[in-house]
Amino acid sequence: MPFDPRQRPLSAPEARVLATLLEKSRTVPDSYPLTLNSLLAGCNQKTSREPVMQLSDNDLLQALETLRQQTLVVEIGGARVARWEHNFERGIGVPMQAAALLGLLMLRGPQTAAELRLNAERWHRFADTSSVEAFLDELAERSEDKGGPLVTLLPRAPGARESRWAQLLCGPVDAQALQAASTSAGAPASPALQARVEALESEVAALRATVQRLCEQLGIPAEETVAP
């Protein structure tokens, strides 16, 4: 049976771990599946995250164990170090395009359809905003036998031109609390700056992956070498 957030919603750390695995599988495939060290760095990065978290090693291991029991992540044994990959599409029961939208909503909080299309550029290239809205509508109208809706359209905030969407994998949302948090957070960084930062993060991740492969070939402790 597909994942049902009404019976057992994801905790905030679990959602962050799952969405980070999904993100890195799309944006830095050369370093995927992820080691524990790389996964923790991705969960705790300061950009493209709302809210910013500071998970500990124990938080990460607990989240991975729960997600593994729900068949949402899989541990891949390696020659020297274990790696982790997501089982998002099959475990949640959604297509790749919908998985990208849910991952973005878990990582960055509520967003408009237009914002989701822009932010999804490196995950999946949607033809237009209407195609994003079509997948969001499908997620919002998900039948009860499949686990119920996975997203909801929030009331339009005062002064906003468009309504934002929120994910329901972590349970029901408090629209008023989300609106208050968004207001106190201030204006976001410009799209150009955000894209530049994300590009640099991808380059760093790719370099770490290269270093780790070389270390494994030379028999050097790779986890210590690529630690952030």
Protein backbone atom coordinates (compact mmCIF):
# COMPACT_ATOMS: atom_id res chain seq x y z
CA MET A 1 0.00 0.00 0.00
CA PRO A 2 1.34 3.50 -0.82
CA PHE A 3 2.59 5.70 1.99
CA ASP A 4 -0.29 7.23 3.97
CA PRO A 5 0.74 10.41 5.87
CA ARG A 6 -2.55 10.33 7.80
CA GLN A 7 -1.50 7.16 9.61
CA ARG A 8 2.14 7.98 10.18
CA PRO A 9 3.31 11.41 8.93
CA LEU A 10 7.01 12.03 8.41
CA SER A 11 8.89 13.89 11.11
CA ALA A 12 10.82 17.01 10.12
CA PRO A 13 14.21 15.17 10.16
CA GLU A 14 12.78 12.27 8.15
CA ALA A 15 11.36 14.63 5.53
CA ARG A 16 14.67 16.48 5.30
CA VAL A 17 16.66 13.25 4.85
CA LEU A 18 14.27 11.83 2.25
CA ALA A 19 14.05 15.07 0.26
CA THR A 20 17.83 15.55 0.35
CA LEU A 21 18.38 12.09 -1.10
CA LEU A 22 15.86 12.88 -3.80
CA GLU A 23 17.49 16.24 -4.54
CA LYS A 24 21.03 14.90 -4.78
CA SER A 25 19.96 12.02 -7.02
CA ARG A 26 18.79 14.64 -9.54
CA THR A 27 21.35 17.43 -9.10
CA VAL A 28 24.64 15.59 -8.36
CA PRO A 29 24.19 12.06 -9.76
CA ASP A 30 27.95 11.42 -9.82
CA SER A 31 28.07 11.44 -6.01
CA TYR A 32 24.85 9.45 -5.56
CA PRO A 33 24.00 7.23 -3.65
CA LEU A 34 25.20 9.26 -0.69
CA THR A 35 27.48 8.36 2.19
CA LEU A 36 26.33 9.31 5.68
CA ASN A 37 28.80 12.18 5.68
CA SER A 38 27.55 13.61 2.39
CA LEU A 39 23.92 13.12 3.35
CA LEU A 40 24.37 14.95 6.65
CA ALA A 41 26.07 17.86 4.86
CA GLY A 42 23.17 18.04 2.40
CA CYS A 43 20.56 18.01 5.15
CA ASN A 44 22.31 20.80 7.04
CA GLN A 45 23.27 23.06 4.13
CA LYS A 46 22.31 26.70 4.54
CA THR A 47 20.89 27.38 1.07
CA SER A 48 17.76 25.98 -0.60
CA ARG A 49 16.44 24.93 2.79
CA GLU A 50 13.45 26.21 4.74
CA PRO A 51 13.89 25.90 7.60
CA VAL A 52 17.66 25.51 7.96
CA MET A 53 18.39 22.53 10.21
CA GLN A 54 21.33 21.27 12.19
CA LEU A 55 20.81 17.52 12.38
CA SER A 56 23.23 15.45 14.44
CA ASP A 57 24.68 12.09 13.47
CA ASN A 58 22.15 10.44 15.77
CA ASP A 59 19.26 12.39 14.24
CA LEU A 60 20.35 11.21 10.81
CA LEU A 61 20.69 7.56 11.79
CA GLN A 62 17.30 7.53 13.52
CA ALA A 63 15.60 9.12 10.51
CA LEU A 64 17.25 6.68 8.10
CA GLU A 65 16.21 3.68 10.18
CA THR A 66 12.57 4.78 10.28
CA LEU A 67 12.55 5.56 6.57
CA ARG A 68 14.16 2.19 5.84
CA GLN A 69 11.43 0.42 7.78
CA GLN A 70 8.88 2.24 5.63
CA THR A 71 10.81 1.20 2.48
CA LEU A 72 11.34 4.86 1.58
CA VAL A 73 15.16 4.58 1.60
CA VAL A 74 17.57 1.75 0.83
CA GLU A 75 21.08 1.12 2.15
CA ILE A 76 23.58 0.14 -0.52
CA GLY A 77 26.59 -1.77 0.74
CA GLY A 78 29.94 -0.63 -0.64
CA ALA A 79 33.47 -1.95 -0.60
CA ARG A 80 34.52 0.51 2.11
CA VAL A 81 31.51 2.57 3.11
CA ALA A 82 27.74 2.17 2.99
CA ARG A 83 25.66 4.51 0.88
CA TRP A 84 21.99 5.45 0.87
CA GLU A 85 19.45 6.03 -1.88
CA HIS A 86 15.78 6.98 -1.88
CA ASN A 87 12.84 4.84 -2.95
CA PHE A 88 10.58 7.88 -3.21
CA GLU A 89 8.54 7.25 -6.34
CA ARG A 90 7.72 3.65 -5.51
CA GLY A 91 7.38 4.16 -1.76
CA ILE A 92 5.08 7.18 -2.01
CA GLY A 93 3.38 5.95 -5.17
CA VAL A 94 3.88 8.98 -7.42
CA PRO A 95 5.53 9.63 -10.82
CA MET A 96 8.92 11.30 -11.18
CA GLN A 97 7.48 14.77 -11.88
CA ALA A 98 5.28 14.70 -8.78
CA ALA A 99 8.20 13.42 -6.69
CA ALA A 100 10.27 16.44 -7.74
CA LEU A 101 7.52 18.82 -6.60
CA LEU A 102 7.05 17.05 -3.28
CA GLY A 103 10.80 17.05 -2.67
CA LEU A 104 11.01 20.78 -3.29
CA LEU A 105 8.10 21.46 -0.97
CA MET A 106 9.76 19.42 1.78
CA LEU A 107 13.09 21.19 1.34
CA ARG A 108 11.92 24.78 0.77
CA GLY A 109 8.49 25.02 2.34
CA PRO A 110 5.31 26.31 0.64
CA GLN A 111 5.75 27.75 -2.86
CA THR A 112 3.62 28.94 -5.75
CA ALA A 113 3.36 26.86 -8.91
CA ALA A 114 5.58 29.40 -10.71
CA GLU A 115 8.22 29.21 -7.96
CA LEU A 116 8.13 25.42 -8.09
CA ARG A 117 8.71 25.43 -11.83
CA LEU A 118 11.74 27.72 -11.42
CA ASN A 119 13.19 25.80 -8.48
CA ALA A 120 12.66 22.45 -10.22
CA GLU A 121 14.84 23.40 -13.19
CA ARG A 122 17.70 21.14 -12.09
CA TRP A 123 15.36 18.37 -10.90
CA HIS A 124 12.93 18.16 -13.80
CA ARG A 125 12.26 20.68 -16.56
CA PHE A 126 8.52 21.40 -16.70
CA ALA A 127 7.23 22.80 -19.99
CA ASP A 128 5.25 25.57 -18.29
CA THR A 129 3.52 26.53 -15.06
CA SER A 130 0.32 24.86 -16.21
CA SER A 131 2.06 21.48 -16.28
CA VAL A 132 3.24 22.05 -12.70
CA GLU A 133 -0.31 22.91 -11.67
CA ALA A 134 -1.62 19.75 -13.34
CA PHE A 135 0.65 17.54 -11.22
CA LEU A 136 -0.18 19.52 -8.09
CA ASP A 137 -3.89 19.07 -8.77
CA GLU A 138 -3.37 15.33 -9.10
CA LEU A 139 -1.52 15.23 -5.77
CA ALA A 140 -4.26 17.30 -4.12
CA GLU A 141 -6.98 15.01 -5.47
CA ARG A 142 -5.23 11.74 -4.63
CA SER A 143 -7.85 9.12 -3.81
CA GLU A 144 -8.41 7.77 -0.32
CA ASP A 145 -7.41 4.22 -1.30
CA LYS A 146 -4.01 5.56 -2.36
CA GLY A 147 -3.43 7.39 0.94
CA GLY A 148 -5.27 10.65 0.36
CA PRO A 149 -3.99 14.08 -0.74
CA LEU A 150 -0.26 14.82 -0.56
CA VAL A 151 -0.44 18.60 -1.14
CA THR A 152 -2.86 21.39 -0.33
CA LEU A 153 -3.41 24.88 -1.72
CA LEU A 154 -3.04 27.47 1.03
CA PRO A 155 -5.24 30.59 1.30
CA ARG A 156 -3.70 33.51 -0.56
CA ALA A 157 -1.64 35.66 1.80
CA PRO A 158 -2.43 39.39 2.05
CA GLY A 159 -0.70 41.26 -0.79
CA ALA A 160 0.32 38.05 -2.57
CA ARG A 161 -0.49 37.59 -6.25
CA GLU A 162 -0.67 33.80 -6.12
CA SER A 163 -1.52 31.13 -3.58
CA ARG A 164 1.17 28.79 -2.35
CA TRP A 165 1.14 25.00 -2.17
CA ALA A 166 2.24 22.98 0.86
CA GLN A 167 3.07 19.28 1.20
CA LEU A 168 1.11 16.97 3.52
CA LEU A 169 3.69 14.21 3.95
CA CYS A 170 4.43 15.66 7.39
CA GLY A 171 0.73 15.86 8.29
CA PRO A 172 -1.84 18.68 8.18
CA VAL A 173 -0.50 22.22 7.84
CA ASP A 174 -1.31 25.31 9.88
CA ALA A 175 -1.83 27.99 7.24
CA GLN A 176 -1.74 30.86 9.72
CA ALA A 177 1.51 29.67 11.29
CA LEU A 178 3.11 29.25 7.86
CA GLN A 179 2.02 32.72 6.83
CA ALA A 180 3.44 34.25 10.01
CA ALA A 181 6.75 32.42 9.54
CA SER A 182 6.99 33.56 5.93
CA THR A 183 6.36 37.17 6.92
CA SER A 184 9.01 37.15 9.66
CA ALA A 185 11.57 35.50 7.40
CA GLY A 186 11.78 38.53 5.11
CA ALA A 187 12.40 38.67 1.39
CA PRO A 188 14.19 35.71 -0.21
CA ALA A 189 17.42 35.95 -2.14
CA SER A 190 17.20 36.86 -5.82
CA PRO A 191 16.74 33.93 -8.24
CA ALA A 192 20.06 34.74 -9.91
CA LEU A 193 21.97 34.63 -6.63
CA GLN A 194 20.17 31.47 -5.56
CA ALA A 195 21.04 29.76 -8.85
CA ARG A 196 24.70 30.79 -8.52
CA VAL A 197 24.94 29.41 -4.99
CA GLU A 198 23.32 26.15 -6.03
CA ALA A 199 25.71 25.81 -8.98
CA LEU A 200 28.68 26.25 -6.64
CA GLU A 201 27.27 23.67 -4.24
CA SER A 202 26.92 21.20 -7.11
CA GLU A 203 30.55 21.80 -8.13
CA VAL A 204 31.73 21.18 -4.56
CA ALA A 205 29.65 17.99 -4.35
CA ALA A 206 31.11 16.74 -7.63
CA LEU A 207 34.65 17.44 -6.41
CA ARG A 208 33.95 15.59 -3.17
CA ALA A 209 32.69 12.62 -5.17
CA THR A 210 35.87 12.60 -7.28
CA VAL A 211 38.09 12.80 -4.19
CA GLN A 212 36.14 10.02 -2.52
CA ARG A 213 36.50 7.69 -5.51
CA LEU A 214 40.25 8.34 -5.62
CA CYS A 215 40.56 7.70 -1.89
CA GLU A 216 38.70 4.41 -2.20
CA GLN A 217 41.06 3.33 -4.99
CA LEU A 218 44.10 4.27 -2.88
CA GLY A 219 42.74 2.78 0.34
CA ILE A 220 42.60 6.12 2.14
CA PRO A 221 39.77 6.76 4.69
CA ALA A 222 37.46 8.67 2.34
CA GLU A 223 34.96 9.78 4.96
CA GLU A 224 37.57 11.81 6.79
CA THR A 225 38.98 13.27 3.57
CA VAL A 226 35.68 14.63 2.22
CA ALA A 227 34.26 15.85 5.52
CA PRO A 228 32.80 19.40 5.15
